[in-house]
Protein backbone atom coordinates (compact mmCIF):
# COMPACT_ATOMS: atom_id res chain seq x y z
CA UNK A 1 27.08 -24.20 -17.72
CA UNK A 2 23.95 -26.23 -17.03
CA UNK A 3 20.71 -25.57 -15.22
CA UNK A 4 22.26 -24.21 -12.01
CA UNK A 5 24.38 -21.72 -13.95
CA UNK A 6 21.31 -20.49 -15.83
CA UNK A 7 19.39 -20.06 -12.57
CA UNK A 8 22.29 -18.14 -11.03
CA UNK A 9 22.53 -15.80 -14.03
CA UNK A 10 18.79 -15.22 -14.03
CA UNK A 11 18.83 -14.28 -10.35
CA UNK A 12 21.67 -11.82 -10.90
CA UNK A 13 19.96 -10.15 -13.87
CA UNK A 14 16.80 -9.24 -11.93
CA UNK A 15 17.02 -5.97 -10.02
CA UNK A 16 16.65 -6.29 -6.27
CA UNK A 17 14.04 -4.11 -4.67
CA UNK A 18 14.73 -2.58 -1.30
CA UNK A 19 12.20 -1.42 1.25
CA UNK A 20 13.55 0.31 4.34
CA UNK A 21 16.95 -1.19 3.58
CA UNK A 22 15.69 -4.78 3.38
CA UNK A 23 15.80 -6.73 0.11
CA UNK A 24 12.39 -7.57 -1.28
CA UNK A 25 11.73 -10.40 -3.72
CA UNK A 26 10.55 -9.49 -7.22
CA UNK A 27 6.79 -9.23 -7.46
CA UNK A 28 4.75 -10.61 -10.31
CA UNK A 29 1.82 -8.90 -12.04
CA UNK A 30 -0.67 -10.35 -9.54
CA UNK A 31 1.14 -8.80 -6.60
CA UNK A 32 1.30 -5.41 -8.30
CA UNK A 33 -2.46 -5.50 -8.90
CA UNK A 34 -3.02 -6.42 -5.26
CA UNK A 35 -0.78 -3.57 -4.12
CA UNK A 36 -2.72 -1.11 -6.29
CA UNK A 37 -6.03 -2.32 -4.81
CA UNK A 38 -4.68 -1.99 -1.28
CA UNK A 39 -3.58 1.57 -2.09
CA UNK A 40 -7.02 2.42 -3.42
CA UNK A 41 -8.68 0.95 -0.32
CA UNK A 42 -6.36 3.00 1.90
CA UNK A 43 -7.27 6.18 0.02
CA UNK A 44 -10.97 5.40 0.38
CA UNK A 45 -10.54 4.75 4.10
CA UNK A 46 -8.72 8.06 4.43
CA UNK A 47 -11.61 9.91 2.77
CA UNK A 48 -14.08 8.14 5.08
CA UNK A 49 -12.05 9.15 8.13
CA UNK A 50 -12.07 12.78 6.97
CA UNK A 51 -15.86 12.67 6.52
CA UNK A 52 -16.36 11.15 9.97
CA UNK A 53 -14.10 13.84 11.46
CA UNK A 54 -16.09 16.60 9.77
CA UNK A 55 -19.41 15.09 10.90
CA UNK A 56 -18.11 14.82 14.44
CA UNK A 57 -17.07 18.49 14.48
CA UNK A 58 -20.47 19.48 13.10
CA UNK A 59 -22.22 17.42 15.79
CA UNK A 60 -20.10 19.12 18.47
CA UNK A 61 -21.10 22.55 17.12
CA UNK A 62 -24.77 21.61 17.14
CA UNK A 63 -24.43 20.22 20.67
CA UNK A 64 -22.87 23.47 21.89
CA UNK A 65 -25.59 25.54 20.22
CA UNK A 66 -28.34 23.50 21.90
CA UNK A 67 -26.83 23.66 25.38
């Protein structure tokens, strides 16, 4: 079979990941760690946005009360 046959079999044995219908290459452990960190950063940014929104509403209420 040879080297090329082994490579072909190895490629077929790995599951293909799909994202929005497009095939994605297999990710290694480093990419999974990076994806987890990006997810955590997105969650933190979401919490920050919610805090800023709440502070803005509070500032608007105080502004109305003073005027």
